[in-house]
C-alpha cells in the first residue's frame, strides 16, 4: 500500500471514531414561491401587487413585467407579471394569491413552488 493511501486511511478511521463530519459542500435549499399574474395593462397595478410584499417587510428576489399586444385588433393589450420571493410559508403565499385575484384588472394568478440553493 502506498504511503498516501495509508495516511488517508488512518485519517479516515480517526475521523469516524471522533464523530467528525465534514462540512457540507452545498448551500441549503430554500423554497421560492413564484407568482405569475396576467392582468390589464394598468400602471397602477404594479405598486398594488408589490404592496402586499412591502407591508410584510419582504423584497422579491425576482420581478419581471412585460406588456403583450393582443392578437385581436381593437382589443386592449395586457401585462404578464412574474414575481419570485423566498421566505414565505404556504399559507401566506395562498393568501397573497387570493388578494391578487381580488384586484381590479387581474385576469388570472398562477402560483408555484420551487427549490433554490442560495
PDB file of N, CA and C in Angstrom:
ATOM      1  N   UNK A   1       0.859  -1.173   0.000  1.00  0.00           N
ATOM      2  CA  UNK A   1       0.000   0.000   0.000  1.00  0.00           C
ATOM      3  C   UNK A   1       0.902   1.231   0.000  1.00  0.00           C
ATOM      4  N   UNK A   2       0.567   2.201  -0.793  1.00  0.00           N
ATOM      5  CA  UNK A   2       1.402   3.402  -0.869  1.00  0.00           C
ATOM      6  C   UNK A   2       1.232   4.232   0.404  1.00  0.00           C
ATOM      7  N   UNK A   3       2.210   5.099   0.635  1.00  0.00           N
ATOM      8  CA  UNK A   3       2.200   5.937   1.837  1.00  0.00           C
ATOM      9  C   UNK A   3       0.986   6.863   1.865  1.00  0.00           C
ATOM     10  N   UNK A   4       0.592   7.416   0.704  1.00  0.00           N
ATOM     11  CA  UNK A   4      -0.549   8.334   0.634  1.00  0.00           C
ATOM     12  C   UNK A   4      -1.843   7.622   1.013  1.00  0.00           C
ATOM     13  N   UNK A   5      -2.041   6.409   0.504  1.00  0.00           N
ATOM     14  CA  UNK A   5      -3.255   5.661   0.833  1.00  0.00           C
ATOM     15  C   UNK A   5      -3.294   5.303   2.316  1.00  0.00           C
ATOM     16  N   UNK A   6      -2.145   4.957   2.890  1.00  0.00           N
ATOM     17  CA  UNK A   6      -2.091   4.599   4.306  1.00  0.00           C
ATOM     18  C   UNK A   6      -2.437   5.787   5.185  1.00  0.00           C
ATOM     19  N   UNK A   7      -1.900   6.963   4.872  1.00  0.00           N
ATOM     20  CA  UNK A   7      -2.195   8.173   5.646  1.00  0.00           C
ATOM     21  C   UNK A   7      -3.662   8.535   5.507  1.00  0.00           C
ATOM     22  N   UNK A   8      -4.201   8.417   4.287  1.00  0.00           N
ATOM     23  CA  UNK A   8      -5.605   8.730   4.046  1.00  0.00           C
ATOM     24  C   UNK A   8      -6.511   7.778   4.821  1.00  0.00           C
ATOM     25  N   UNK A   9      -6.163   6.493   4.857  1.00  0.00           N
ATOM     26  CA  UNK A   9      -6.967   5.511   5.582  1.00  0.00           C
ATOM     27  C   UNK A   9      -6.925   5.768   7.081  1.00  0.00           C
ATOM     28  N   UNK A  10      -5.764   6.151   7.608  1.00  0.00           N
ATOM     29  CA  UNK A  10      -5.647   6.454   9.035  1.00  0.00           C
ATOM     30  C   UNK A  10      -6.484   7.685   9.394  1.00  0.00           C
ATOM     31  N   UNK A  11      -6.411   8.715   8.578  1.00  0.00           N
ATOM     32  CA  UNK A  11      -7.185   9.938   8.840  1.00  0.00           C
ATOM     33  C   UNK A  11      -8.676   9.649   8.787  1.00  0.00           C
ATOM     34  N   UNK A  12      -9.089   8.833   7.834  1.00  0.00           N
ATOM     35  CA  UNK A  12     -10.496   8.490   7.701  1.00  0.00           C
ATOM     36  C   UNK A  12     -10.990   7.716   8.927  1.00  0.00           C
ATOM     37  N   UNK A  13     -10.197   6.757   9.397  1.00  0.00           N
ATOM     38  CA  UNK A  13     -10.574   5.980  10.577  1.00  0.00           C
ATOM     39  C   UNK A  13     -10.627   6.864  11.814  1.00  0.00           C
ATOM     40  N   UNK A  14      -9.685   7.785  11.960  1.00  0.00           N
ATOM     41  CA  UNK A  14      -9.665   8.705  13.098  1.00  0.00           C
ATOM     42  C   UNK A  14     -10.901   9.605  13.084  1.00  0.00           C
ATOM     43  N   UNK A  15     -11.270  10.116  11.899  1.00  0.00           N
ATOM     44  CA  UNK A  15     -12.429  10.999  11.791  1.00  0.00           C
ATOM     45  C   UNK A  15     -13.722  10.272  12.141  1.00  0.00           C
ATOM     46  N   UNK A  16     -13.848   9.021  11.714  1.00  0.00           N
ATOM     47  CA  UNK A  16     -15.059   8.261  12.022  1.00  0.00           C
ATOM     48  C   UNK A  16     -15.179   7.996  13.515  1.00  0.00           C
ATOM     49  N   UNK A  17     -14.059   7.720  14.173  1.00  0.00           N
ATOM     50  CA  UNK A  17     -14.103   7.407  15.595  1.00  0.00           C
ATOM     51  C   UNK A  17     -14.361   8.634  16.459  1.00  0.00           C
ATOM     52  N   UNK A  18     -14.008   9.819  15.987  1.00  0.00           N
ATOM     53  CA  UNK A  18     -14.196  11.035  16.783  1.00  0.00           C
ATOM     54  C   UNK A  18     -15.557  11.691  16.561  1.00  0.00           C
ATOM     55  N   UNK A  19     -16.357  11.144  15.639  1.00  0.00           N
ATOM     56  CA  UNK A  19     -17.661  11.739  15.365  1.00  0.00           C
ATOM     57  C   UNK A  19     -17.575  12.930  14.427  1.00  0.00           C
ATOM     58  N   UNK A  20     -16.451  13.120  13.794  1.00  0.00           N
ATOM     59  CA  UNK A  20     -16.244  14.243  12.883  1.00  0.00           C
ATOM     60  C   UNK A  20     -17.077  14.047  11.623  1.00  0.00           C
ATOM     61  N   UNK A  21     -17.750  15.091  11.210  1.00  0.00           N
ATOM     62  CA  UNK A  21     -18.439  15.061   9.923  1.00  0.00           C
ATOM     63  C   UNK A  21     -17.947  16.248   9.108  1.00  0.00           C
ATOM     64  N   UNK A  22     -17.593  16.014   7.854  1.00  0.00           N
ATOM     65  CA  UNK A  22     -17.067  17.095   7.034  1.00  0.00           C
ATOM     66  C   UNK A  22     -18.129  18.159   6.787  1.00  0.00           C
ATOM     67  N   UNK A  23     -17.701  19.404   6.577  1.00  0.00           N
ATOM     68  CA  UNK A  23     -18.677  20.461   6.318  1.00  0.00           C
ATOM     69  C   UNK A  23     -19.436  20.197   5.019  1.00  0.00           C
ATOM     70  N   UNK A  24     -20.676  20.638   4.993  1.00  0.00           N
ATOM     71  CA  UNK A  24     -21.498  20.446   3.800  1.00  0.00           C
ATOM     72  C   UNK A  24     -20.911  21.247   2.651  1.00  0.00           C
ATOM     73  N   UNK A  25     -20.880  20.648   1.490  1.00  0.00           N
ATOM     74  CA  UNK A  25     -20.277  21.304   0.335  1.00  0.00           C
ATOM     75  C   UNK A  25     -21.307  22.054  -0.502  1.00  0.00           C
ATOM     76  N   UNK A  26     -22.557  22.024  -0.105  1.00  0.00           N
ATOM     77  CA  UNK A  26     -23.586  22.718  -0.878  1.00  0.00           C
ATOM     78  C   UNK A  26     -24.367  23.671   0.016  1.00  0.00           C
ATOM     79  N   UNK A  27     -25.009  24.620  -0.612  1.00  0.00           N
ATOM     80  CA  UNK A  27     -25.816  25.599   0.113  1.00  0.00           C
ATOM     81  C   UNK A  27     -27.144  24.983   0.523  1.00  0.00           C
ATOM     82  N   UNK A  28     -27.758  25.509   1.579  1.00  0.00           N
ATOM     83  CA  UNK A  28     -29.063  24.981   1.973  1.00  0.00           C
ATOM     84  C   UNK A  28     -30.118  25.292   0.907  1.00  0.00           C
ATOM     85  N   UNK A  29     -31.097  24.443   0.814  1.00  0.00           N
ATOM     86  CA  UNK A  29     -32.158  24.626  -0.163  1.00  0.00           C
ATOM     87  C   UNK A  29     -33.229  25.522   0.448  1.00  0.00           C
ATOM     88  N   UNK A  30     -33.656  26.522  -0.301  1.00  0.00           N
ATOM     89  CA  UNK A  30     -34.647  27.482   0.150  1.00  0.00           C
ATOM     90  C   UNK A  30     -35.853  27.389  -0.782  1.00  0.00           C
ATOM     91  N   UNK A  31     -37.053  27.392  -0.213  1.00  0.00           N
ATOM     92  CA  UNK A  31     -38.264  27.394  -1.033  1.00  0.00           C
ATOM     93  C   UNK A  31     -38.506  28.793  -1.573  1.00  0.00           C
ATOM     94  N   UNK A  32     -38.761  28.879  -2.877  1.00  0.00           N
ATOM     95  CA  UNK A  32     -39.067  30.146  -3.527  1.00  0.00           C
ATOM     96  C   UNK A  32     -40.477  30.030  -4.097  1.00  0.00           C
ATOM     97  N   UNK A  33     -41.340  30.943  -3.706  1.00  0.00           N
ATOM     98  CA  UNK A  33     -42.709  30.966  -4.211  1.00  0.00           C
ATOM     99  C   UNK A  33     -42.752  31.858  -5.442  1.00  0.00           C
ATOM    100  N   UNK A  34     -43.408  31.361  -6.483  1.00  0.00           N
ATOM    101  CA  UNK A  34     -43.490  32.075  -7.759  1.00  0.00           C
ATOM    102  C   UNK A  34     -44.946  32.432  -8.046  1.00  0.00           C
ATOM    103  N   UNK A  35     -45.158  33.659  -8.455  1.00  0.00           N
ATOM    104  CA  UNK A  35     -46.485  34.144  -8.827  1.00  0.00           C
ATOM    105  C   UNK A  35     -46.422  34.565 -10.290  1.00  0.00           C
ATOM    106  N   UNK A  36     -47.370  34.128 -11.080  1.00  0.00           N
ATOM    107  CA  UNK A  36     -47.498  34.568 -12.462  1.00  0.00           C
ATOM    108  C   UNK A  36     -48.868  35.226 -12.597  1.00  0.00           C
ATOM    109  N   UNK A  37     -48.854  36.514 -12.869  1.00  0.00           N
ATOM    110  CA  UNK A  37     -50.090  37.296 -12.898  1.00  0.00           C
ATOM    111  C   UNK A  37     -50.320  37.796 -14.320  1.00  0.00           C
ATOM    112  N   UNK A  38     -51.513  37.561 -14.840  1.00  0.00           N
ATOM    113  CA  UNK A  38     -51.919  38.106 -16.140  1.00  0.00           C
ATOM    114  C   UNK A  38     -52.977  39.155 -15.835  1.00  0.00           C
ATOM    115  N   UNK A  39     -52.769  40.371 -16.361  1.00  0.00           N
ATOM    116  CA  UNK A  39     -53.652  41.473 -15.970  1.00  0.00           C
ATOM    117  C   UNK A  39     -53.800  42.481 -17.101  1.00  0.00           C
ATOM    118  N   UNK A  40     -54.786  43.367 -16.923  1.00  0.00           N
ATOM    119  CA  UNK A  40     -54.934  44.500 -17.841  1.00  0.00           C
ATOM    120  C   UNK A  40     -53.695  45.375 -17.741  1.00  0.00           C
ATOM    121  N   UNK A  41     -53.404  46.082 -18.803  1.00  0.00           N
ATOM    122  CA  UNK A  41     -52.234  46.961 -18.821  1.00  0.00           C
ATOM    123  C   UNK A  41     -52.592  48.254 -18.088  1.00  0.00           C
ATOM    124  N   UNK A  42     -52.334  48.268 -16.783  1.00  0.00           N
ATOM    125  CA  UNK A  42     -52.643  49.403 -15.917  1.00  0.00           C
ATOM    126  C   UNK A  42     -51.415  49.697 -15.067  1.00  0.00           C
ATOM    127  N   UNK A  43     -50.784  50.869 -15.244  1.00  0.00           N
ATOM    128  CA  UNK A  43     -49.573  51.182 -14.472  1.00  0.00           C
ATOM    129  C   UNK A  43     -49.800  51.193 -12.961  1.00  0.00           C
ATOM    130  N   UNK A  44     -51.004  51.449 -12.513  1.00  0.00           N
ATOM    131  CA  UNK A  44     -51.294  51.468 -11.087  1.00  0.00           C
ATOM    132  C   UNK A  44     -51.321  50.085 -10.461  1.00  0.00           C
ATOM    133  N   UNK A  45     -51.343  49.051 -11.280  1.00  0.00           N
ATOM    134  CA  UNK A  45     -51.413  47.687 -10.758  1.00  0.00           C
ATOM    135  C   UNK A  45     -50.080  47.229 -10.163  1.00  0.00           C
ATOM    136  N   UNK A  46     -48.967  47.626 -10.754  1.00  0.00           N
ATOM    137  CA  UNK A  46     -47.661  47.178 -10.265  1.00  0.00           C
ATOM    138  C   UNK A  46     -47.421  47.545  -8.804  1.00  0.00           C
ATOM    139  N   UNK A  47     -47.623  48.796  -8.394  1.00  0.00           N
ATOM    140  CA  UNK A  47     -47.407  49.094  -6.972  1.00  0.00           C
ATOM    141  C   UNK A  47     -48.394  48.384  -6.051  1.00  0.00           C
ATOM    142  N   UNK A  48     -49.620  48.141  -6.541  1.00  0.00           N
ATOM    143  CA  UNK A  48     -50.586  47.418  -5.702  1.00  0.00           C
ATOM    144  C   UNK A  48     -50.142  45.975  -5.476  1.00  0.00           C
ATOM    145  N   UNK A  49     -49.538  45.350  -6.490  1.00  0.00           N
ATOM    146  CA  UNK A  49     -49.023  43.992  -6.329  1.00  0.00           C
ATOM    147  C   UNK A  49     -47.855  43.968  -5.349  1.00  0.00           C
ATOM    148  N   UNK A  50     -46.923  44.883  -5.508  1.00  0.00           N
ATOM    149  CA  UNK A  50     -45.738  44.919  -4.647  1.00  0.00           C
ATOM    150  C   UNK A  50     -46.067  45.315  -3.214  1.00  0.00           C
ATOM    151  N   UNK A  51     -47.151  46.051  -3.035  1.00  0.00           N
ATOM    152  CA  UNK A  51     -47.538  46.499  -1.696  1.00  0.00           C
ATOM    153  C   UNK A  51     -47.784  45.323  -0.744  1.00  0.00           C
ATOM    154  N   UNK A  52     -48.324  44.227  -1.279  1.00  0.00           N
ATOM    155  CA  UNK A  52     -48.620  43.075  -0.433  1.00  0.00           C
ATOM    156  C   UNK A  52     -47.349  42.446   0.141  1.00  0.00           C
ATOM    157  N   UNK A  53     -46.234  42.583  -0.554  1.00  0.00           N
ATOM    158  CA  UNK A  53     -44.956  42.102  -0.030  1.00  0.00           C
ATOM    159  C   UNK A  53     -44.317  43.158   0.874  1.00  0.00           C
ATOM    160  N   UNK A  54     -44.397  44.416   0.465  1.00  0.00           N
ATOM    161  CA  UNK A  54     -43.755  45.505   1.214  1.00  0.00           C
ATOM    162  C   UNK A  54     -44.325  45.625   2.623  1.00  0.00           C
ATOM    163  N   UNK A  55     -45.623  45.459   2.781  1.00  0.00           N
ATOM    164  CA  UNK A  55     -46.202  45.596   4.121  1.00  0.00           C
ATOM    165  C   UNK A  55     -45.826  44.443   5.046  1.00  0.00           C
ATOM    166  N   UNK A  56     -45.274  43.361   4.465  1.00  0.00           N
ATOM    167  CA  UNK A  56     -44.759  42.241   5.267  1.00  0.00           C
ATOM    168  C   UNK A  56     -43.238  42.326   5.443  1.00  0.00           C
ATOM    169  N   UNK A  57     -42.657  43.400   4.908  1.00  0.00           N
ATOM    170  CA  UNK A  57     -41.209  43.590   5.016  1.00  0.00           C
ATOM    171  C   UNK A  57     -40.424  42.649   4.115  1.00  0.00           C
ATOM    172  N   UNK A  58     -41.019  42.207   3.015  1.00  0.00           N
ATOM    173  CA  UNK A  58     -40.374  41.265   2.101  1.00  0.00           C
ATOM    174  C   UNK A  58     -39.984  41.959   0.801  1.00  0.00           C
ATOM    175  N   UNK A  59     -38.890  41.492   0.209  1.00  0.00           N
ATOM    176  CA  UNK A  59     -38.391  42.024  -1.052  1.00  0.00           C
ATOM    177  C   UNK A  59     -38.353  40.880  -2.060  1.00  0.00           C
ATOM    178  N   UNK A  60     -39.013  40.998  -3.207  1.00  0.00           N
ATOM    179  CA  UNK A  60     -38.968  39.920  -4.201  1.00  0.00           C
ATOM    180  C   UNK A  60     -37.545  39.690  -4.705  1.00  0.00           C
ATOM    181  N   UNK A  61     -37.179  38.423  -4.867  1.00  0.00           N
ATOM    182  CA  UNK A  61     -35.853  38.121  -5.413  1.00  0.00           C
ATOM    183  C   UNK A  61     -35.831  38.336  -6.918  1.00  0.00           C
ATOM    184  N   UNK A  62     -36.984  38.178  -7.572  1.00  0.00           N
ATOM    185  CA  UNK A  62     -37.096  38.469  -9.000  1.00  0.00           C
ATOM    186  C   UNK A  62     -38.456  39.087  -9.280  1.00  0.00           C
ATOM    187  N   UNK A  63     -38.464  40.065 -10.164  1.00  0.00           N
ATOM    188  CA  UNK A  63     -39.706  40.723 -10.575  1.00  0.00           C
ATOM    189  C   UNK A  63     -39.566  41.024 -12.057  1.00  0.00           C
ATOM    190  N   UNK A  64     -40.509  40.543 -12.853  1.00  0.00           N
ATOM    191  CA  UNK A  64     -40.445  40.726 -14.291  1.00  0.00           C
ATOM    192  C   UNK A  64     -41.828  41.096 -14.792  1.00  0.00           C
ATOM    193  N   UNK A  65     -41.889  42.133 -15.606  1.00  0.00           N
ATOM    194  CA  UNK A  65     -43.159  42.561 -16.165  1.00  0.00           C
ATOM    195  C   UNK A  65     -42.988  42.781 -17.662  1.00  0.00           C
ATOM    196  N   UNK A  66     -43.979  42.331 -18.426  1.00  0.00           N
ATOM    197  CA  UNK A  66     -43.924  42.504 -19.871  1.00  0.00           C
ATOM    198  C   UNK A  66     -45.309  42.861 -20.391  1.00  0.00           C
ATOM    199  N   UNK A  67     -45.358  43.870 -21.247  1.00  0.00           N
ATOM    200  CA  UNK A  67     -46.614  44.250 -21.899  1.00  0.00           C
ATOM    201  C   UNK A  67     -46.756  43.430 -23.174  1.00  0.00           C
ATOM    202  N   UNK A  68     -47.917  42.815 -23.348  1.00  0.00           N
ATOM    203  CA  UNK A  68     -48.184  41.994 -24.524  1.00  0.00           C
ATOM    204  C   UNK A  68     -49.243  42.648 -25.386  1.00  0.00           C
ATOM    205  N   UNK A  69     -49.018  42.639 -26.684  1.00  0.00           N
ATOM    206  CA  UNK A  69     -50.026  43.154 -27.613  1.00  0.00           C
ATOM    207  C   UNK A  69     -51.049  42.052 -27.846  1.00  0.00           C
ATOM    208  N   UNK A  70     -52.283  42.434 -27.965  1.00  0.00           N
ATOM    209  CA  UNK A  70     -53.356  41.472 -28.185  1.00  0.00           C
ATOM    210  C   UNK A  70     -53.315  40.979 -29.622  1.00  0.00           C
ATOM    211  N   UNK A  71     -53.704  39.712 -29.808  1.00  0.00           N
ATOM    212  CA  UNK A  71     -53.749  39.140 -31.154  1.00  0.00           C
ATOM    213  C   UNK A  71     -54.958  39.633 -31.929  1.00  0.00           C
ATOM    214  N   UNK A  72     -55.964  40.120 -31.240  1.00  0.00           N
ATOM    215  CA  UNK A  72     -57.183  40.601 -31.892  1.00  0.00           C
ATOM    216  C   UNK A  72     -57.118  42.112 -32.035  1.00  0.00           C
ATOM    217  N   UNK A  73     -57.348  42.625 -33.237  1.00  0.00           N
ATOM    218  CA  UNK A  73     -57.318  44.083 -33.415  1.00  0.00           C
ATOM    219  C   UNK A  73     -58.443  44.748 -32.621  1.00  0.00           C
ATOM    220  N   UNK A  74     -58.126  45.883 -32.049  1.00  0.00           N
ATOM    221  CA  UNK A  74     -59.113  46.627 -31.278  1.00  0.00           C
ATOM    222  C   UNK A  74     -59.203  46.206 -29.826  1.00  0.00           C
ATOM    223  N   UNK A  75     -58.557  45.119 -29.452  1.00  0.00           N
ATOM    224  CA  UNK A  75     -58.557  44.658 -28.064  1.00  0.00           C
ATOM    225  C   UNK A  75     -57.401  45.323 -27.312  1.00  0.00           C
ATOM    226  N   UNK A  76     -57.603  45.650 -26.054  1.00  0.00           N
ATOM    227  CA  UNK A  76     -56.520  46.273 -25.287  1.00  0.00           C
ATOM    228  C   UNK A  76     -55.379  45.287 -25.054  1.00  0.00           C
ATOM    229  N   UNK A  77     -54.201  45.837 -24.830  1.00  0.00           N
ATOM    230  CA  UNK A  77     -53.053  44.991 -24.521  1.00  0.00           C
ATOM    231  C   UNK A  77     -53.134  44.556 -23.064  1.00  0.00           C
ATOM    232  N   UNK A  78     -52.333  43.572 -22.722  1.00  0.00           N
ATOM    233  CA  UNK A  78     -52.329  43.074 -21.353  1.00  0.00           C
ATOM    234  C   UNK A  78     -50.901  42.912 -20.870  1.00  0.00           C
ATOM    235  N   UNK A  79     -50.756  42.660 -19.579  1.00  0.00           N
ATOM    236  CA  UNK A  79     -49.441  42.519 -18.965  1.00  0.00           C
ATOM    237  C   UNK A  79     -49.293  41.139 -18.350  1.00  0.00           C
ATOM    238  N   UNK A  80     -48.066  40.635 -18.399  1.00  0.00           N
ATOM    239  CA  UNK A  80     -47.703  39.407 -17.697  1.00  0.00           C
ATOM    240  C   UNK A  80     -46.645  39.793 -16.677  1.00  0.00           C
ATOM    241  N   UNK A  81     -46.909  39.483 -15.415  1.00  0.00           N
ATOM    242  CA  UNK A  81     -46.012  39.861 -14.322  1.00  0.00           C
ATOM    243  C   UNK A  81     -45.599  38.590 -13.591  1.00  0.00           C
ATOM    244  N   UNK A  82     -44.303  38.377 -13.480  1.00  0.00           N
ATOM    245  CA  UNK A  82     -43.771  37.230 -12.744  1.00  0.00           C
ATOM    246  C   UNK A  82     -43.015  37.739 -11.531  1.00  0.00           C
ATOM    247  N   UNK A  83     -43.355  37.189 -10.366  1.00  0.00           N
ATOM    248  CA  UNK A  83     -42.725  37.588  -9.105  1.00  0.00           C
ATOM    249  C   UNK A  83     -42.233  36.323  -8.405  1.00  0.00           C
ATOM    250  N   UNK A  84     -40.990  36.352  -7.937  1.00  0.00           N
ATOM    251  CA  UNK A  84     -40.440  35.245  -7.157  1.00  0.00           C
ATOM    252  C   UNK A  84     -39.977  35.789  -5.822  1.00  0.00           C
ATOM    253  N   UNK A  85     -40.322  35.074  -4.755  1.00  0.00           N
ATOM    254  CA  UNK A  85     -39.977  35.554  -3.423  1.00  0.00           C
ATOM    255  C   UNK A  85     -39.702  34.373  -2.488  1.00  0.00           C
ATOM    256  N   UNK A  86     -38.651  34.496  -1.718  1.00  0.00           N
ATOM    257  CA  UNK A  86     -38.301  33.486  -0.722  1.00  0.00           C
ATOM    258  C   UNK A  86     -38.757  33.990   0.646  1.00  0.00           C
ATOM    259  N   UNK A  87     -38.901  33.096   1.570  1.00  0.00           N
ATOM    260  CA  UNK A  87     -39.227  33.496   2.929  1.00  0.00           C
ATOM    261  C   UNK A  87     -40.706  33.519   3.238  1.00  0.00           C
ATOM    262  N   UNK A  88     -41.519  32.933   2.390  1.00  0.00           N
ATOM    263  CA  UNK A  88     -42.961  32.849   2.651  1.00  0.00           C
ATOM    264  C   UNK A  88     -43.315  31.434   3.061  1.00  0.00           C
ATOM    265  N   UNK A  89     -44.325  31.308   3.894  1.00  0.00           N
ATOM    266  CA  UNK A  89     -44.872  29.981   4.128  1.00  0.00           C
ATOM    267  C   UNK A  89     -46.025  29.775   3.144  1.00  0.00           C
ATOM    268  N   UNK A  90     -46.489  28.552   3.004  1.00  0.00           N
ATOM    269  CA  UNK A  90     -47.516  28.242   2.006  1.00  0.00           C
ATOM    270  C   UNK A  90     -48.831  28.966   2.272  1.00  0.00           C
ATOM    271  N   UNK A  91     -49.196  29.118   3.540  1.00  0.00           N
ATOM    272  CA  UNK A  91     -50.453  29.798   3.872  1.00  0.00           C
ATOM    273  C   UNK A  91     -50.401  31.269   3.455  1.00  0.00           C
ATOM    274  N   UNK A  92     -49.265  31.920   3.692  1.00  0.00           N
ATOM    275  CA  UNK A  92     -49.121  33.327   3.295  1.00  0.00           C
ATOM    276  C   UNK A  92     -49.124  33.458   1.780  1.00  0.00           C
ATOM    277  N   UNK A  93     -48.475  32.526   1.097  1.00  0.00           N
ATOM    278  CA  UNK A  93     -48.469  32.528  -0.364  1.00  0.00           C
ATOM    279  C   UNK A  93     -49.892  32.413  -0.911  1.00  0.00           C
ATOM    280  N   UNK A  94     -50.665  31.493  -0.371  1.00  0.00           N
ATOM    281  CA  UNK A  94     -52.053  31.319  -0.813  1.00  0.00           C
ATOM    282  C   UNK A  94     -52.880  32.568  -0.531  1.00  0.00           C
ATOM    283  N   UNK A  95     -52.653  33.196   0.616  1.00  0.00           N
ATOM    284  CA  UNK A  95     -53.392  34.408   0.973  1.00  0.00           C
ATOM    285  C   UNK A  95     -53.058  35.549   0.015  1.00  0.00           C
ATOM    286  N   UNK A  96     -51.775  35.720  -0.309  1.00  0.00           N
ATOM    287  CA  UNK A  96     -51.375  36.778  -1.240  1.00  0.00           C
ATOM    288  C   UNK A  96     -51.961  36.519  -2.628  1.00  0.00           C
ATOM    289  N   UNK A  97     -51.938  35.260  -3.076  1.00  0.00           N
ATOM    290  CA  UNK A  97     -52.523  34.927  -4.381  1.00  0.00           C
ATOM    291  C   UNK A  97     -54.019  35.247  -4.400  1.00  0.00           C
ATOM    292  N   UNK A  98     -54.712  34.963  -3.302  1.00  0.00           N
ATOM    293  CA  UNK A  98     -56.133  35.280  -3.217  1.00  0.00           C
ATOM    294  C   UNK A  98     -56.358  36.797  -3.299  1.00  0.00           C
ATOM    295  N   UNK A  99     -55.487  37.571  -2.628  1.00  0.00           N
ATOM    296  CA  UNK A  99     -55.610  39.016  -2.692  1.00  0.00           C
ATOM    297  C   UNK A  99     -55.317  39.534  -4.098  1.00  0.00           C
ATOM    298  N   UNK A 100     -54.337  38.946  -4.783  1.00  0.00           N
ATOM    299  CA  UNK A 100     -54.070  39.317  -6.177  1.00  0.00           C
ATOM    300  C   UNK A 100     -55.312  39.099  -7.033  1.00  0.00           C
ATOM    301  N   UNK A 101     -55.949  37.944  -6.856  1.00  0.00           N
ATOM    302  CA  UNK A 101     -57.120  37.597  -7.674  1.00  0.00           C
ATOM    303  C   UNK A 101     -58.292  38.554  -7.445  1.00  0.00           C
ATOM    304  N   UNK A 102     -58.337  39.169  -6.292  1.00  0.00           N
ATOM    305  CA  UNK A 102     -59.417  40.109  -5.987  1.00  0.00           C
ATOM    306  C   UNK A 102     -59.176  41.520  -6.488  1.00  0.00           C
ATOM    307  N   UNK A 103     -58.000  41.790  -7.035  1.00  0.00           N
ATOM    308  CA  UNK A 103     -57.685  43.144  -7.514  1.00  0.00           C
ATOM    309  C   UNK A 103     -58.342  43.405  -8.868  1.00  0.00           C
ATOM    310  N   UNK A 104     -58.824  44.624  -9.026  1.00  0.00           N
ATOM    311  CA  UNK A 104     -59.430  45.034 -10.291  1.00  0.00           C
ATOM    312  C   UNK A 104     -58.364  45.007 -11.379  1.00  0.00           C
ATOM    313  N   UNK A 105     -58.680  44.388 -12.485  1.00  0.00           N
ATOM    314  CA  UNK A 105     -57.764  44.322 -13.620  1.00  0.00           C
ATOM    315  C   UNK A 105     -56.959  43.038 -13.700  1.00  0.00           C
ATOM    316  N   UNK A 106     -56.944  42.244 -12.628  1.00  0.00           N
ATOM    317  CA  UNK A 106     -56.207  40.978 -12.650  1.00  0.00           C
ATOM    318  C   UNK A 106     -57.098  39.922 -13.300  1.00  0.00           C
ATOM    319  N   UNK A 107     -56.565  39.273 -14.332  1.00  0.00           N
ATOM    320  CA  UNK A 107     -57.322  38.258 -15.056  1.00  0.00           C
ATOM    321  C   UNK A 107     -57.075  36.862 -14.493  1.00  0.00           C
ATOM    322  N   UNK A 108     -55.822  36.545 -14.179  1.00  0.00           N
ATOM    323  CA  UNK A 108     -55.517  35.229 -13.621  1.00  0.00           C
ATOM    324  C   UNK A 108     -54.236  35.294 -12.802  1.00  0.00           C
ATOM    325  N   UNK A 109     -54.134  34.381 -11.835  1.00  0.00           N
ATOM    326  CA  UNK A 109     -52.951  34.269 -10.979  1.00  0.00           C
ATOM    327  C   UNK A 109     -52.605  32.790 -10.857  1.00  0.00           C
ATOM    328  N   UNK A 110     -51.374  32.459 -11.214  1.00  0.00           N
ATOM    329  CA  UNK A 110     -50.874  31.102 -11.043  1.00  0.00           C
ATOM    330  C   UNK A 110     -49.756  31.134 -10.015  1.00  0.00           C
ATOM    331  N   UNK A 111     -49.676  30.111  -9.187  1.00  0.00           N
ATOM    332  CA  UNK A 111     -48.600  30.038  -8.200  1.00  0.00           C
ATOM    333  C   UNK A 111     -47.860  28.717  -8.364  1.00  0.00           C
ATOM    334  N   UNK A 112     -46.598  28.738  -7.977  1.00  0.00           N
ATOM    335  CA  UNK A 112     -45.811  27.509  -7.975  1.00  0.00           C
ATOM    336  C   UNK A 112     -44.736  27.649  -6.896  1.00  0.00           C
ATOM    337  N   UNK A 113     -44.124  26.524  -6.573  1.00  0.00           N
ATOM    338  CA  UNK A 113     -43.084  26.482  -5.564  1.00  0.00           C
ATOM    339  C   UNK A 113     -41.886  25.782  -6.175  1.00  0.00           C
ATOM    340  N   UNK A 114     -40.708  26.384  -6.003  1.00  0.00           N
ATOM    341  CA  UNK A 114     -39.505  25.730  -6.493  1.00  0.00           C
ATOM    342  C   UNK A 114     -38.440  25.802  -5.414  1.00  0.00           C
ATOM    343  N   UNK A 115     -37.548  24.859  -5.450  1.00  0.00           N
ATOM    344  CA  UNK A 115     -36.435  24.834  -4.517  1.00  0.00           C
ATOM    345  C   UNK A 115     -35.242  25.520  -5.159  1.00  0.00           C
ATOM    346  N   UNK A 116     -34.564  26.333  -4.386  1.00  0.00           N
ATOM    347  CA  UNK A 116     -33.409  27.070  -4.901  1.00  0.00           C
ATOM    348  C   UNK A 116     -32.287  27.004  -3.902  1.00  0.00           C
ATOM    349  N   UNK A 117     -31.087  26.751  -4.357  1.00  0.00           N
ATOM    350  CA  UNK A 117     -29.913  26.803  -3.492  1.00  0.00           C
ATOM    351  C   UNK A 117     -29.428  28.235  -3.461  1.00  0.00           C
ATOM    352  N   UNK A 118     -29.132  28.753  -2.268  1.00  0.00           N
ATOM    353  CA  UNK A 118     -28.666  30.139  -2.145  1.00  0.00           C
ATOM    354  C   UNK A 118     -27.340  30.348  -2.809  1.00  0.00           C
TER     355      UNK A 118
END
